[in-house]
Amino acid sequence: VPGLSVLENVMVGAHSRSRGGFLTTPLRLPPVGREERR
């Protein structure tokens, strides 16, 4: 994705290993912040 940074493009590839849940991700609950940092 040309408009994204190098880091953001690589982060896209980690989605299959992400542990964000159906409720936690849209509500931005604390586990989401931890998962994004991971």
ModelCIF file with pLDDT and N, C-alpha, C, O atoms, coordinates in Angstrom:
data_MODEL
#
_entry.id   MODEL 
#
_entity.id                         1 
_entity.type                       polymer 
_entity.pdbx_number_of_molecules   1 
#
_entity_poly.entity_id                      1 
_entity_poly.type                           'polypeptide(L)' 
_entity_poly.nstd_linkage                   no 
_entity_poly.nstd_monomer                   no 
_entity_poly.pdbx_seq_one_letter_code       VPGLSVLENVMVGAHSRSRGGFLTTPLRLPPVGREERR 
_entity_poly.pdbx_seq_one_letter_code_can   VPGLSVLENVMVGAHSRSRGGFLTTPLRLPPVGREERR 
_entity_poly.pdbx_strand_id                 A 
#
loop_
_entity_poly_seq.entity_id 
_entity_poly_seq.num 
_entity_poly_seq.mon_id 
_entity_poly_seq.hetero 
1 1  VAL n 
1 2  PRO n 
1 3  GLY n 
1 4  LEU n 
1 5  SER n 
1 6  VAL n 
1 7  LEU n 
1 8  GLU n 
1 9  ASN n 
1 10 VAL n 
1 11 MET n 
1 12 VAL n 
1 13 GLY n 
1 14 ALA n 
1 15 HIS n 
1 16 SER n 
1 17 ARG n 
1 18 SER n 
1 19 ARG n 
1 20 GLY n 
1 21 GLY n 
1 22 PHE n 
1 23 LEU n 
1 24 THR n 
1 25 THR n 
1 26 PRO n 
1 27 LEU n 
1 28 ARG n 
1 29 LEU n 
1 30 PRO n 
1 31 PRO n 
1 32 VAL n 
1 33 GLY n 
1 34 ARG n 
1 35 GLU n 
1 36 GLU n 
1 37 ARG n 
1 38 ARG n 
#
_struct_asym.id          A 
_struct_asym.entity_id   1 
#
loop_
_ma_qa_metric.id 
_ma_qa_metric.mode 
_ma_qa_metric.name 
_ma_qa_metric.software_group_id 
_ma_qa_metric.type 
1 global pLDDT . pLDDT 
2 local  pLDDT . pLDDT 
#
_ma_qa_metric_global.metric_id      1 
_ma_qa_metric_global.metric_value   71.95 
_ma_qa_metric_global.model_id       1 
_ma_qa_metric_global.ordinal_id     1 
#
loop_
_ma_qa_metric_local.label_asym_id 
_ma_qa_metric_local.label_comp_id 
_ma_qa_metric_local.label_seq_id 
_ma_qa_metric_local.metric_id 
_ma_qa_metric_local.metric_value 
_ma_qa_metric_local.model_id 
_ma_qa_metric_local.ordinal_id 
A VAL 1  2 91.00 1 1  
A PRO 2  2 90.00 1 2  
A GLY 3  2 90.00 1 3  
A LEU 4  2 93.00 1 4  
A SER 5  2 95.00 1 5  
A VAL 6  2 96.00 1 6  
A LEU 7  2 96.00 1 7  
A GLU 8  2 94.00 1 8  
A ASN 9  2 94.00 1 9  
A VAL 10 2 95.00 1 10 
A MET 11 2 93.00 1 11 
A VAL 12 2 90.00 1 12 
A GLY 13 2 89.00 1 13 
A ALA 14 2 85.00 1 14 
A HIS 15 2 75.00 1 15 
A SER 16 2 66.00 1 16 
A ARG 17 2 64.00 1 17 
A SER 18 2 60.00 1 18 
A ARG 19 2 56.00 1 19 
A GLY 20 2 52.00 1 20 
A GLY 21 2 45.00 1 21 
A PHE 22 2 39.00 1 22 
A LEU 23 2 40.00 1 23 
A THR 24 2 41.00 1 24 
A THR 25 2 44.00 1 25 
A PRO 26 2 45.00 1 26 
A LEU 27 2 44.00 1 27 
A ARG 28 2 50.00 1 28 
A LEU 29 2 50.00 1 29 
A PRO 30 2 54.00 1 30 
A PRO 31 2 62.00 1 31 
A VAL 32 2 64.00 1 32 
A GLY 33 2 73.00 1 33 
A ARG 34 2 80.00 1 34 
A GLU 35 2 81.00 1 35 
A GLU 36 2 84.00 1 36 
A ARG 37 2 86.00 1 37 
A ARG 38 2 88.00 1 38 
#
loop_
_atom_site.group_PDB 
_atom_site.id 
_atom_site.type_symbol 
_atom_site.label_atom_id 
_atom_site.label_alt_id 
_atom_site.label_comp_id 
_atom_site.label_asym_id 
_atom_site.label_entity_id 
_atom_site.label_seq_id 
_atom_site.pdbx_PDB_ins_code 
_atom_site.Cartn_x 
_atom_site.Cartn_y 
_atom_site.Cartn_z 
_atom_site.occupancy 
_atom_site.B_iso_or_equiv 
_atom_site.pdbx_formal_charge 
_atom_site.auth_seq_id 
_atom_site.auth_comp_id 
_atom_site.auth_asym_id 
_atom_site.auth_atom_id 
_atom_site.pdbx_PDB_model_num 
ATOM 1   N N  . VAL A 1 1  ? 0.866   -1.181  0.000  1.00 91.00 ? 1  VAL A N  1 
ATOM 2   C CA . VAL A 1 1  ? 0.000   0.000   0.000  1.00 91.00 ? 1  VAL A CA 1 
ATOM 3   C C  . VAL A 1 1  ? 0.902   1.229   0.000  1.00 91.00 ? 1  VAL A C  1 
ATOM 4   O O  . VAL A 1 1  ? 1.537   1.514   1.016  1.00 91.00 ? 1  VAL A O  1 
ATOM 5   N N  . PRO A 1 2  ? 0.978   1.968   -1.109 1.00 90.00 ? 2  PRO A N  1 
ATOM 6   C CA . PRO A 1 2  ? 1.959   3.052   -1.226 1.00 90.00 ? 2  PRO A CA 1 
ATOM 7   C C  . PRO A 1 2  ? 1.817   4.114   -0.149 1.00 90.00 ? 2  PRO A C  1 
ATOM 8   O O  . PRO A 1 2  ? 2.823   4.664   0.299  1.00 90.00 ? 2  PRO A O  1 
ATOM 9   N N  . GLY A 1 3  ? 0.605   4.416   0.276  1.00 90.00 ? 3  GLY A N  1 
ATOM 10  C CA . GLY A 1 3  ? 0.382   5.486   1.236  1.00 90.00 ? 3  GLY A CA 1 
ATOM 11  C C  . GLY A 1 3  ? 0.706   5.132   2.666  1.00 90.00 ? 3  GLY A C  1 
ATOM 12  O O  . GLY A 1 3  ? 0.788   6.021   3.513  1.00 90.00 ? 3  GLY A O  1 
ATOM 13  N N  . LEU A 1 4  ? 0.896   3.849   2.963  1.00 93.00 ? 4  LEU A N  1 
ATOM 14  C CA . LEU A 1 4  ? 1.249   3.421   4.307  1.00 93.00 ? 4  LEU A CA 1 
ATOM 15  C C  . LEU A 1 4  ? 2.763   3.420   4.474  1.00 93.00 ? 4  LEU A C  1 
ATOM 16  O O  . LEU A 1 4  ? 3.510   3.313   3.501  1.00 93.00 ? 4  LEU A O  1 
ATOM 17  N N  . SER A 1 5  ? 3.198   3.541   5.713  1.00 95.00 ? 5  SER A N  1 
ATOM 18  C CA . SER A 1 5  ? 4.628   3.466   5.985  1.00 95.00 ? 5  SER A CA 1 
ATOM 19  C C  . SER A 1 5  ? 5.115   2.031   5.808  1.00 95.00 ? 5  SER A C  1 
ATOM 20  O O  . SER A 1 5  ? 4.320   1.096   5.712  1.00 95.00 ? 5  SER A O  1 
ATOM 21  N N  . VAL A 1 6  ? 6.429   1.879   5.769  1.00 96.00 ? 6  VAL A N  1 
ATOM 22  C CA . VAL A 1 6  ? 7.018   0.543   5.678  1.00 96.00 ? 6  VAL A CA 1 
ATOM 23  C C  . VAL A 1 6  ? 6.553   -0.312  6.850  1.00 96.00 ? 6  VAL A C  1 
ATOM 24  O O  . VAL A 1 6  ? 6.147   -1.458  6.661  1.00 96.00 ? 6  VAL A O  1 
ATOM 25  N N  . LEU A 1 7  ? 6.610   0.240   8.057  1.00 96.00 ? 7  LEU A N  1 
ATOM 26  C CA . LEU A 1 7  ? 6.196   -0.512  9.238  1.00 96.00 ? 7  LEU A CA 1 
ATOM 27  C C  . LEU A 1 7  ? 4.729   -0.911  9.158  1.00 96.00 ? 7  LEU A C  1 
ATOM 28  O O  . LEU A 1 7  ? 4.382   -2.046  9.482  1.00 96.00 ? 7  LEU A O  1 
ATOM 29  N N  . GLU A 1 8  ? 3.870   -0.006  8.735  1.00 94.00 ? 8  GLU A N  1 
ATOM 30  C CA . GLU A 1 8  ? 2.434   -0.304  8.654  1.00 94.00 ? 8  GLU A CA 1 
ATOM 31  C C  . GLU A 1 8  ? 2.163   -1.394  7.624  1.00 94.00 ? 8  GLU A C  1 
ATOM 32  O O  . GLU A 1 8  ? 1.302   -2.246  7.842  1.00 94.00 ? 8  GLU A O  1 
ATOM 33  N N  . ASN A 1 9  ? 2.890   -1.379  6.500  1.00 94.00 ? 9  ASN A N  1 
ATOM 34  C CA . ASN A 1 9  ? 2.721   -2.428  5.495  1.00 94.00 ? 9  ASN A CA 1 
ATOM 35  C C  . ASN A 1 9  ? 3.098   -3.787  6.064  1.00 94.00 ? 9  ASN A C  1 
ATOM 36  O O  . ASN A 1 9  ? 2.411   -4.776  5.811  1.00 94.00 ? 9  ASN A O  1 
ATOM 37  N N  . VAL A 1 10 ? 4.176   -3.845  6.826  1.00 95.00 ? 10 VAL A N  1 
ATOM 38  C CA . VAL A 1 10 ? 4.591   -5.122  7.405  1.00 95.00 ? 10 VAL A CA 1 
ATOM 39  C C  . VAL A 1 10 ? 3.611   -5.565  8.485  1.00 95.00 ? 10 VAL A C  1 
ATOM 40  O O  . VAL A 1 10 ? 3.359   -6.761  8.631  1.00 95.00 ? 10 VAL A O  1 
ATOM 41  N N  . MET A 1 11 ? 3.062   -4.636  9.234  1.00 93.00 ? 11 MET A N  1 
ATOM 42  C CA . MET A 1 11 ? 2.081   -4.972  10.268 1.00 93.00 ? 11 MET A CA 1 
ATOM 43  C C  . MET A 1 11 ? 0.846   -5.642  9.669  1.00 93.00 ? 11 MET A C  1 
ATOM 44  O O  . MET A 1 11 ? 0.222   -6.491  10.307 1.00 93.00 ? 11 MET A O  1 
ATOM 45  N N  . VAL A 1 12 ? 0.496   -5.255  8.438  1.00 90.00 ? 12 VAL A N  1 
ATOM 46  C CA . VAL A 1 12 ? -0.651  -5.881  7.775  1.00 90.00 ? 12 VAL A CA 1 
ATOM 47  C C  . VAL A 1 12 ? -0.465  -7.394  7.686  1.00 90.00 ? 12 VAL A C  1 
ATOM 48  O O  . VAL A 1 12 ? -1.428  -8.152  7.798  1.00 90.00 ? 12 VAL A O  1 
ATOM 49  N N  . GLY A 1 13 ? 0.773   -7.824  7.485  1.00 89.00 ? 13 GLY A N  1 
ATOM 50  C CA . GLY A 1 13 ? 1.038   -9.250  7.345  1.00 89.00 ? 13 GLY A CA 1 
ATOM 51  C C  . GLY A 1 13 ? 0.843   -10.039 8.615  1.00 89.00 ? 13 GLY A C  1 
ATOM 52  O O  . GLY A 1 13 ? 0.743   -11.265 8.572  1.00 89.00 ? 13 GLY A O  1 
ATOM 53  N N  . ALA A 1 14 ? 0.788   -9.357  9.753  1.00 85.00 ? 14 ALA A N  1 
ATOM 54  C CA . ALA A 1 14 ? 0.658   -10.053 11.043 1.00 85.00 ? 14 ALA A CA 1 
ATOM 55  C C  . ALA A 1 14 ? -0.788  -10.299 11.425 1.00 85.00 ? 14 ALA A C  1 
ATOM 56  O O  . ALA A 1 14 ? -1.046  -10.833 12.504 1.00 85.00 ? 14 ALA A O  1 
ATOM 57  N N  . HIS A 1 15 ? -1.750  -9.927  10.570 1.00 75.00 ? 15 HIS A N  1 
ATOM 58  C CA . HIS A 1 15 ? -3.154  -10.017 10.971 1.00 75.00 ? 15 HIS A CA 1 
ATOM 59  C C  . HIS A 1 15 ? -3.586  -11.444 11.270 1.00 75.00 ? 15 HIS A C  1 
ATOM 60  O O  . HIS A 1 15 ? -4.443  -11.673 12.124 1.00 75.00 ? 15 HIS A O  1 
ATOM 61  N N  . SER A 1 16 ? -2.979  -12.427 10.552 1.00 66.00 ? 16 SER A N  1 
ATOM 62  C CA . SER A 1 16 ? -3.398  -13.816 10.758 1.00 66.00 ? 16 SER A CA 1 
ATOM 63  C C  . SER A 1 16 ? -2.963  -14.351 12.112 1.00 66.00 ? 16 SER A C  1 
ATOM 64  O O  . SER A 1 16 ? -3.513  -15.342 12.595 1.00 66.00 ? 16 SER A O  1 
ATOM 65  N N  . ARG A 1 17 ? -1.973  -13.700 12.734 1.00 64.00 ? 17 ARG A N  1 
ATOM 66  C CA . ARG A 1 17 ? -1.505  -14.104 14.057 1.00 64.00 ? 17 ARG A CA 1 
ATOM 67  C C  . ARG A 1 17 ? -2.052  -13.206 15.157 1.00 64.00 ? 17 ARG A C  1 
ATOM 68  O O  . ARG A 1 17 ? -1.717  -13.377 16.330 1.00 64.00 ? 17 ARG A O  1 
ATOM 69  N N  . SER A 1 18 ? -2.899  -12.243 14.775 1.00 60.00 ? 18 SER A N  1 
ATOM 70  C CA . SER A 1 18 ? -3.447  -11.319 15.759 1.00 60.00 ? 18 SER A CA 1 
ATOM 71  C C  . SER A 1 18 ? -4.482  -12.013 16.630 1.00 60.00 ? 18 SER A C  1 
ATOM 72  O O  . SER A 1 18 ? -5.227  -12.872 16.160 1.00 60.00 ? 18 SER A O  1 
ATOM 73  N N  . ARG A 1 19 ? -4.522  -11.635 17.902 1.00 56.00 ? 19 ARG A N  1 
ATOM 74  C CA . ARG A 1 19 ? -5.460  -12.243 18.837 1.00 56.00 ? 19 ARG A CA 1 
ATOM 75  C C  . ARG A 1 19 ? -6.608  -11.303 19.174 1.00 56.00 ? 19 ARG A C  1 
ATOM 76  O O  . ARG A 1 19 ? -7.340  -11.541 20.134 1.00 56.00 ? 19 ARG A O  1 
ATOM 77  N N  . GLY A 1 20 ? -6.775  -10.236 18.394 1.00 52.00 ? 20 GLY A N  1 
ATOM 78  C CA . GLY A 1 20 ? -7.877  -9.313  18.625 1.00 52.00 ? 20 GLY A CA 1 
ATOM 79  C C  . GLY A 1 20 ? -9.209  -10.004 18.396 1.00 52.00 ? 20 GLY A C  1 
ATOM 80  O O  . GLY A 1 20 ? -9.383  -10.702 17.396 1.00 52.00 ? 20 GLY A O  1 
ATOM 81  N N  . GLY A 1 21 ? -10.147 -9.818  19.310 1.00 45.00 ? 21 GLY A N  1 
ATOM 82  C CA . GLY A 1 21 ? -11.428 -10.507 19.231 1.00 45.00 ? 21 GLY A CA 1 
ATOM 83  C C  . GLY A 1 21 ? -12.503 -9.693  18.558 1.00 45.00 ? 21 GLY A C  1 
ATOM 84  O O  . GLY A 1 21 ? -12.298 -8.529  18.213 1.00 45.00 ? 21 GLY A O  1 
ATOM 85  N N  . PHE A 1 22 ? -13.661 -10.319 18.371 1.00 39.00 ? 22 PHE A N  1 
ATOM 86  C CA . PHE A 1 22 ? -14.795 -9.702  17.678 1.00 39.00 ? 22 PHE A CA 1 
ATOM 87  C C  . PHE A 1 22 ? -15.291 -8.460  18.429 1.00 39.00 ? 22 PHE A C  1 
ATOM 88  O O  . PHE A 1 22 ? -15.674 -7.471  17.804 1.00 39.00 ? 22 PHE A O  1 
ATOM 89  N N  . LEU A 1 23 ? -15.283 -8.509  19.778 1.00 40.00 ? 23 LEU A N  1 
ATOM 90  C CA . LEU A 1 23 ? -15.765 -7.389  20.575 1.00 40.00 ? 23 LEU A CA 1 
ATOM 91  C C  . LEU A 1 23 ? -14.652 -6.430  20.980 1.00 40.00 ? 23 LEU A C  1 
ATOM 92  O O  . LEU A 1 23 ? -14.853 -5.216  21.001 1.00 40.00 ? 23 LEU A O  1 
ATOM 93  N N  . THR A 1 24 ? -13.477 -6.971  21.301 1.00 41.00 ? 24 THR A N  1 
ATOM 94  C CA . THR A 1 24 ? -12.411 -6.121  21.816 1.00 41.00 ? 24 THR A CA 1 
ATOM 95  C C  . THR A 1 24 ? -11.871 -5.152  20.779 1.00 41.00 ? 24 THR A C  1 
ATOM 96  O O  . THR A 1 24 ? -11.509 -4.029  21.129 1.00 41.00 ? 24 THR A O  1 
ATOM 97  N N  . THR A 1 25 ? -11.804 -5.552  19.504 1.00 44.00 ? 25 THR A N  1 
ATOM 98  C CA . THR A 1 25 ? -11.194 -4.692  18.486 1.00 44.00 ? 25 THR A CA 1 
ATOM 99  C C  . THR A 1 25 ? -12.015 -3.435  18.209 1.00 44.00 ? 25 THR A C  1 
ATOM 100 O O  . THR A 1 25 ? -11.466 -2.338  18.312 1.00 44.00 ? 25 THR A O  1 
ATOM 101 N N  . PRO A 1 26 ? -13.330 -3.535  17.855 1.00 45.00 ? 26 PRO A N  1 
ATOM 102 C CA . PRO A 1 26 ? -14.067 -2.300  17.565 1.00 45.00 ? 26 PRO A CA 1 
ATOM 103 C C  . PRO A 1 26 ? -14.273 -1.419  18.786 1.00 45.00 ? 26 PRO A C  1 
ATOM 104 O O  . PRO A 1 26 ? -14.394 -0.201  18.649 1.00 45.00 ? 26 PRO A O  1 
ATOM 105 N N  . LEU A 1 27 ? -14.316 -2.009  19.982 1.00 44.00 ? 27 LEU A N  1 
ATOM 106 C CA . LEU A 1 27 ? -14.535 -1.222  21.191 1.00 44.00 ? 27 LEU A CA 1 
ATOM 107 C C  . LEU A 1 27 ? -13.252 -0.653  21.776 1.00 44.00 ? 27 LEU A C  1 
ATOM 108 O O  . LEU A 1 27 ? -13.290 0.111   22.740 1.00 44.00 ? 27 LEU A O  1 
ATOM 109 N N  . ARG A 1 28 ? -12.100 -1.030  21.186 1.00 50.00 ? 28 ARG A N  1 
ATOM 110 C CA . ARG A 1 28 ? -10.799 -0.550  21.641 1.00 50.00 ? 28 ARG A CA 1 
ATOM 111 C C  . ARG A 1 28 ? -10.587 -0.846  23.124 1.00 50.00 ? 28 ARG A C  1 
ATOM 112 O O  . ARG A 1 28 ? -10.085 -0.005  23.869 1.00 50.00 ? 28 ARG A O  1 
ATOM 113 N N  . LEU A 1 29 ? -10.973 -2.038  23.539 1.00 50.00 ? 29 LEU A N  1 
ATOM 114 C CA . LEU A 1 29 ? -10.755 -2.457  24.911 1.00 50.00 ? 29 LEU A CA 1 
ATOM 115 C C  . LEU A 1 29 ? -9.264  -2.679  25.154 1.00 50.00 ? 29 LEU A C  1 
ATOM 116 O O  . LEU A 1 29 ? -8.498  -2.811  24.199 1.00 50.00 ? 29 LEU A O  1 
ATOM 117 N N  . PRO A 1 30 ? -8.835  -2.724  26.444 1.00 54.00 ? 30 PRO A N  1 
ATOM 118 C CA . PRO A 1 30 ? -7.392  -2.812  26.741 1.00 54.00 ? 30 PRO A CA 1 
ATOM 119 C C  . PRO A 1 30 ? -6.637  -3.900  25.992 1.00 54.00 ? 30 PRO A C  1 
ATOM 120 O O  . PRO A 1 30 ? -5.502  -3.663  25.579 1.00 54.00 ? 30 PRO A O  1 
ATOM 121 N N  . PRO A 1 31 ? -7.221  -5.100  25.796 1.00 62.00 ? 31 PRO A N  1 
ATOM 122 C CA . PRO A 1 31 ? -6.455  -6.116  25.055 1.00 62.00 ? 31 PRO A CA 1 
ATOM 123 C C  . PRO A 1 31 ? -6.046  -5.678  23.656 1.00 62.00 ? 31 PRO A C  1 
ATOM 124 O O  . PRO A 1 31 ? -5.045  -6.152  23.118 1.00 62.00 ? 31 PRO A O  1 
ATOM 125 N N  . VAL A 1 32 ? -6.835  -4.759  23.059 1.00 64.00 ? 32 VAL A N  1 
ATOM 126 C CA . VAL A 1 32 ? -6.516  -4.304  21.708 1.00 64.00 ? 32 VAL A CA 1 
ATOM 127 C C  . VAL A 1 32 ? -5.205  -3.520  21.707 1.00 64.00 ? 32 VAL A C  1 
ATOM 128 O O  . VAL A 1 32 ? -4.369  -3.710  20.824 1.00 64.00 ? 32 VAL A O  1 
ATOM 129 N N  . GLY A 1 33 ? -5.027  -2.651  22.683 1.00 73.00 ? 33 GLY A N  1 
ATOM 130 C CA . GLY A 1 33 ? -3.792  -1.887  22.759 1.00 73.00 ? 33 GLY A CA 1 
ATOM 131 C C  . GLY A 1 33 ? -2.586  -2.783  22.946 1.00 73.00 ? 33 GLY A C  1 
ATOM 132 O O  . GLY A 1 33 ? -1.545  -2.563  22.327 1.00 73.00 ? 33 GLY A O  1 
ATOM 133 N N  . ARG A 1 34 ? -2.715  -3.797  23.795 1.00 80.00 ? 34 ARG A N  1 
ATOM 134 C CA . ARG A 1 34 ? -1.607  -4.731  23.999 1.00 80.00 ? 34 ARG A CA 1 
ATOM 135 C C  . ARG A 1 34 ? -1.299  -5.489  22.728 1.00 80.00 ? 34 ARG A C  1 
ATOM 136 O O  . ARG A 1 34 ? -0.135  -5.710  22.392 1.00 80.00 ? 34 ARG A O  1 
ATOM 137 N N  . GLU A 1 35 ? -2.354  -5.891  22.014 1.00 81.00 ? 35 GLU A N  1 
ATOM 138 C CA . GLU A 1 35 ? -2.145  -6.659  20.784 1.00 81.00 ? 35 GLU A CA 1 
ATOM 139 C C  . GLU A 1 35 ? -1.509  -5.794  19.705 1.00 81.00 ? 35 GLU A C  1 
ATOM 140 O O  . GLU A 1 35 ? -0.654  -6.268  18.958 1.00 81.00 ? 35 GLU A O  1 
ATOM 141 N N  . GLU A 1 36 ? -1.916  -4.534  19.616 1.00 84.00 ? 36 GLU A N  1 
ATOM 142 C CA . GLU A 1 36 ? -1.322  -3.643  18.626 1.00 84.00 ? 36 GLU A CA 1 
ATOM 143 C C  . GLU A 1 36 ? 0.158   -3.429  18.903 1.00 84.00 ? 36 GLU A C  1 
ATOM 144 O O  . GLU A 1 36 ? 0.967   -3.383  17.976 1.00 84.00 ? 36 GLU A O  1 
ATOM 145 N N  . ARG A 1 37 ? 0.515   -3.297  20.182 1.00 86.00 ? 37 ARG A N  1 
ATOM 146 C CA . ARG A 1 37 ? 1.927   -3.139  20.534 1.00 86.00 ? 37 ARG A CA 1 
ATOM 147 C C  . ARG A 1 37 ? 2.719   -4.403  20.195 1.00 86.00 ? 37 ARG A C  1 
ATOM 148 O O  . ARG A 1 37 ? 3.868   -4.326  19.761 1.00 86.00 ? 37 ARG A O  1 
ATOM 149 N N  . ARG A 1 38 ? 2.090   -5.574  20.399 1.00 88.00 ? 38 ARG A N  1 
ATOM 150 C CA . ARG A 1 38 ? 2.769   -6.831  20.078 1.00 88.00 ? 38 ARG A CA 1 
ATOM 151 C C  . ARG A 1 38 ? 3.016   -6.936  18.572 1.00 88.00 ? 38 ARG A C  1 
ATOM 152 O O  . ARG A 1 38 ? 3.579   -7.926  18.106 1.00 88.00 ? 38 ARG A O  1 
#
